[in-house]
């Protein structure tokens, strides 16, 4: 017997879902999850292909899917992200964008010439109901409307090693004298060239 509101067990959910022992609504209430989460977990046990993505990419996608109780909230990817902040992973020798695989998992193949865009403007989000299809032109227009027609700088960059506070401290230390770029690099886990460019405001020019 499955106890109500106990910690979700993937095998139990798949067993109930795949054998139609309970409705999706009943399973969702039992595990205190959304209906879409139950469908997502239940389908993960299937052996058929989902769109262009076989089991390997889909299972890697599911491994980093957050389990949320609010179907309207963003489902923020818990794995690696690319330089633009989008969830990504490798499977079968290819790199996949998590939000594109999420769309394909729920709705089928992404038609040629179309992109998968975010309604929520959150690149980490893989909630399929926050996604929509659009062309490159529509994607560019969407970025402009949402004020994203620029490149993130400083600590807003996904791969930034420093924060604004650390950069200011680094410059202050160098201004006091008695410390080299190499020593600053070691202290802040960057190379001496990067330390030099920061001090001389060739980078991090916005602060």
Protein backbone atom coordinates (compact mmCIF):
# COMPACT_ATOMS: atom_id res chain seq x y z
CA UNK A 1 0.00 0.00 0.00
CA UNK A 2 1.34 3.43 -0.93
CA UNK A 3 1.10 5.92 1.90
CA UNK A 4 -0.25 9.37 1.16
CA UNK A 5 2.25 12.24 0.97
CA UNK A 6 5.32 10.08 1.62
CA UNK A 7 8.56 10.77 -0.25
CA UNK A 8 8.07 10.20 -3.99
CA UNK A 9 9.33 6.87 -5.27
CA UNK A 10 9.87 6.79 -9.03
CA UNK A 11 9.21 3.05 -9.34
CA UNK A 12 5.93 3.27 -7.43
CA UNK A 13 4.72 6.19 -9.53
CA UNK A 14 5.66 4.41 -12.75
CA UNK A 15 3.97 1.20 -11.61
CA UNK A 16 0.71 2.99 -10.77
CA UNK A 17 0.80 5.13 -13.91
CA UNK A 18 1.78 2.48 -16.43
CA UNK A 19 -0.69 -0.10 -15.15
CA UNK A 20 -3.54 2.43 -14.88
CA UNK A 21 -4.22 1.37 -11.29
CA UNK A 22 -5.16 4.93 -10.36
CA UNK A 23 -5.94 8.06 -12.32
CA UNK A 24 -3.27 10.73 -12.78
CA UNK A 25 -5.23 12.99 -10.43
CA UNK A 26 -5.28 10.31 -7.73
CA UNK A 27 -1.55 9.59 -8.07
CA UNK A 28 -0.78 13.32 -7.97
CA UNK A 29 -2.77 13.73 -4.73
CA UNK A 30 -1.15 10.64 -3.24
CA UNK A 31 2.38 11.94 -3.78
CA UNK A 32 1.54 15.63 -3.40
CA UNK A 33 2.86 16.39 -6.90
CA UNK A 34 1.41 18.07 -9.96
CA UNK A 35 -0.32 16.05 -12.66
CA UNK A 36 2.35 17.08 -15.17
CA UNK A 37 5.08 15.79 -12.85
CA UNK A 38 3.30 12.43 -12.56
CA UNK A 39 3.03 12.14 -16.35
CA UNK A 40 6.69 13.09 -16.73
CA UNK A 41 7.85 10.46 -14.22
CA UNK A 42 5.42 7.86 -15.53
CA UNK A 43 6.55 8.24 -19.13
CA UNK A 44 10.19 7.90 -18.12
CA UNK A 45 9.67 4.19 -17.81
CA UNK A 46 8.61 3.80 -21.44
CA UNK A 47 10.87 2.07 -23.94
CA UNK A 48 9.57 3.89 -26.99
CA UNK A 49 11.23 6.90 -28.57
CA UNK A 50 9.99 10.34 -27.63
CA UNK A 51 10.25 12.68 -30.63
CA UNK A 52 13.82 12.57 -31.96
CA UNK A 53 15.23 11.83 -28.51
CA UNK A 54 15.71 8.22 -27.42
CA UNK A 55 15.72 6.97 -23.84
CA UNK A 56 19.28 8.05 -23.08
CA UNK A 57 18.78 11.82 -23.53
CA UNK A 58 15.33 11.68 -21.92
CA UNK A 59 16.64 9.82 -18.88
CA UNK A 60 19.50 12.30 -18.53
CA UNK A 61 16.93 15.08 -18.74
CA UNK A 62 14.80 13.50 -16.01
CA UNK A 63 17.82 13.05 -13.73
CA UNK A 64 18.18 16.83 -13.48
CA UNK A 65 14.48 17.70 -13.48
CA UNK A 66 13.32 19.40 -10.28
CA UNK A 67 10.24 17.84 -8.68
CA UNK A 68 7.90 20.74 -7.92
CA UNK A 69 4.45 20.86 -6.39
CA UNK A 70 3.41 24.04 -8.24
CA UNK A 71 2.79 23.37 -11.92
CA UNK A 72 2.74 27.10 -12.69
CA UNK A 73 6.21 27.74 -11.28
CA UNK A 74 9.47 27.62 -13.20
CA UNK A 75 11.15 24.22 -13.19
CA UNK A 76 14.77 25.30 -12.86
CA UNK A 77 17.32 22.95 -14.42
CA UNK A 78 19.64 21.46 -11.79
CA UNK A 79 22.44 20.36 -14.14
CA UNK A 80 25.09 22.20 -16.13
CA UNK A 81 24.28 25.34 -18.11
CA UNK A 82 25.78 26.87 -21.21
CA UNK A 83 27.31 30.37 -21.47
CA UNK A 84 23.85 31.88 -21.94
CA UNK A 85 22.39 30.20 -18.86
CA UNK A 86 20.38 27.49 -20.63
CA UNK A 87 20.36 23.98 -19.18
CA UNK A 88 22.38 21.53 -21.24
CA UNK A 89 23.65 17.96 -21.10
CA UNK A 90 25.44 15.40 -23.25
CA UNK A 91 23.99 12.06 -24.31
CA UNK A 92 24.93 9.63 -27.06
CA UNK A 93 27.83 11.88 -28.05
CA UNK A 94 25.63 14.95 -28.60
CA UNK A 95 24.93 18.10 -26.60
CA UNK A 96 21.26 18.82 -25.95
CA UNK A 97 19.51 21.91 -24.62
CA UNK A 98 17.32 20.87 -21.72
CA UNK A 99 14.37 23.10 -22.57
CA UNK A 100 14.25 21.80 -26.16
CA UNK A 101 14.22 18.20 -24.96
CA UNK A 102 11.49 19.09 -22.46
CA UNK A 103 9.36 20.51 -25.26
CA UNK A 104 9.94 17.43 -27.42
CA UNK A 105 9.15 15.11 -24.48
CA UNK A 106 5.74 16.73 -23.97
CA UNK A 107 4.69 17.94 -27.38
CA UNK A 108 6.76 16.11 -30.03
CA UNK A 109 9.50 17.18 -32.43
CA UNK A 110 10.47 20.82 -32.76
CA UNK A 111 9.69 21.69 -36.41
CA UNK A 112 12.65 22.66 -38.59
CA UNK A 113 13.29 26.39 -38.63
CA UNK A 114 11.73 27.03 -35.22
CA UNK A 115 13.27 27.71 -31.82
CA UNK A 116 11.92 26.89 -28.37
CA UNK A 117 11.42 30.18 -26.52
CA UNK A 118 10.63 31.03 -22.89
CA UNK A 119 7.46 32.86 -21.85
CA UNK A 120 8.94 33.26 -18.37
CA UNK A 121 12.25 34.70 -19.63
CA UNK A 122 14.12 32.28 -17.35
CA UNK A 123 16.74 30.33 -19.36
CA UNK A 124 17.05 27.71 -16.58
CA UNK A 125 13.35 26.86 -16.79
CA UNK A 126 12.35 23.50 -18.34
CA UNK A 127 8.64 23.69 -17.53
CA UNK A 128 7.10 22.81 -20.93
CA UNK A 129 4.13 25.06 -20.26
CA UNK A 130 6.48 28.04 -20.01
CA UNK A 131 7.81 27.34 -23.51
CA UNK A 132 6.58 28.25 -26.97
CA UNK A 133 7.79 27.91 -30.55
CA UNK A 134 9.07 30.80 -32.65
CA UNK A 135 11.35 31.72 -35.54
CA UNK A 136 14.79 33.36 -35.23
CA UNK A 137 13.15 36.71 -36.01
CA UNK A 138 10.51 36.19 -33.32
CA UNK A 139 13.24 35.12 -30.90
CA UNK A 140 15.20 38.32 -31.55
CA UNK A 141 12.03 40.39 -31.16
CA UNK A 142 11.21 38.59 -27.91
CA UNK A 143 14.69 39.37 -26.53
CA UNK A 144 14.34 43.04 -27.45
CA UNK A 145 10.86 43.33 -25.91
CA UNK A 146 12.07 41.72 -22.70
CA UNK A 147 15.20 43.88 -22.55
CA UNK A 148 17.63 41.05 -23.20
CA UNK A 149 19.24 42.46 -26.33
CA UNK A 150 22.58 42.73 -24.54
CA UNK A 151 25.30 40.46 -23.21
CA UNK A 152 25.48 39.98 -19.44
CA UNK A 153 28.57 41.49 -17.82
CA UNK A 154 30.49 40.97 -14.60
CA UNK A 155 28.98 38.71 -11.98
CA UNK A 156 25.86 38.26 -14.14
CA UNK A 157 27.88 36.11 -16.54
CA UNK A 158 27.18 32.42 -16.00
CA UNK A 159 30.87 31.48 -15.73
CA UNK A 160 32.05 34.50 -13.71
CA UNK A 161 34.61 33.52 -11.07
CA UNK A 162 34.41 36.84 -9.23
CA UNK A 163 31.69 39.02 -7.77
CA UNK A 164 31.52 42.81 -7.87
CA UNK A 165 32.60 42.88 -4.23
CA UNK A 166 35.69 40.73 -4.86
CA UNK A 167 36.73 42.84 -7.85
CA UNK A 168 36.58 46.01 -5.78
CA UNK A 169 38.63 44.35 -3.03
CA UNK A 170 41.20 43.13 -5.57
CA UNK A 171 41.67 46.64 -6.96
CA UNK A 172 41.89 48.11 -3.48
CA UNK A 173 44.59 45.63 -2.49
CA UNK A 174 46.65 46.43 -5.57
CA UNK A 175 46.25 50.18 -4.97
CA UNK A 176 47.68 49.77 -1.47
CA UNK A 177 50.87 48.36 -3.01
CA UNK A 178 53.07 45.47 -1.98
CA UNK A 179 51.24 42.82 -4.00
CA UNK A 180 51.77 41.58 -7.57
CA UNK A 181 49.32 40.49 -10.21
CA UNK A 182 50.54 36.94 -9.75
CA UNK A 183 49.85 37.05 -6.02
CA UNK A 184 46.41 38.53 -6.61
CA UNK A 185 45.72 35.80 -9.14
CA UNK A 186 46.56 33.06 -6.67
CA UNK A 187 44.47 34.68 -3.95
CA UNK A 188 41.37 35.07 -6.15
CA UNK A 189 41.85 31.86 -8.20
CA UNK A 190 42.46 33.67 -11.49
CA UNK A 191 45.57 34.06 -13.63
CA UNK A 192 47.89 37.07 -13.42
CA UNK A 193 46.78 38.39 -16.81
CA UNK A 194 43.16 38.46 -15.69
CA UNK A 195 44.18 40.26 -12.48
CA UNK A 196 46.06 42.85 -14.55
CA UNK A 197 43.11 43.48 -16.86
CA UNK A 198 40.77 43.91 -13.88
CA UNK A 199 43.10 46.37 -12.12
CA UNK A 200 43.55 48.39 -15.29
CA UNK A 201 39.81 48.29 -16.00
CA UNK A 202 40.17 46.53 -19.33
CA UNK A 203 37.59 44.13 -17.93
CA UNK A 204 34.93 44.70 -15.28
CA UNK A 205 34.76 48.26 -16.58
CA UNK A 206 31.20 48.69 -15.32
CA UNK A 207 32.33 49.01 -11.67
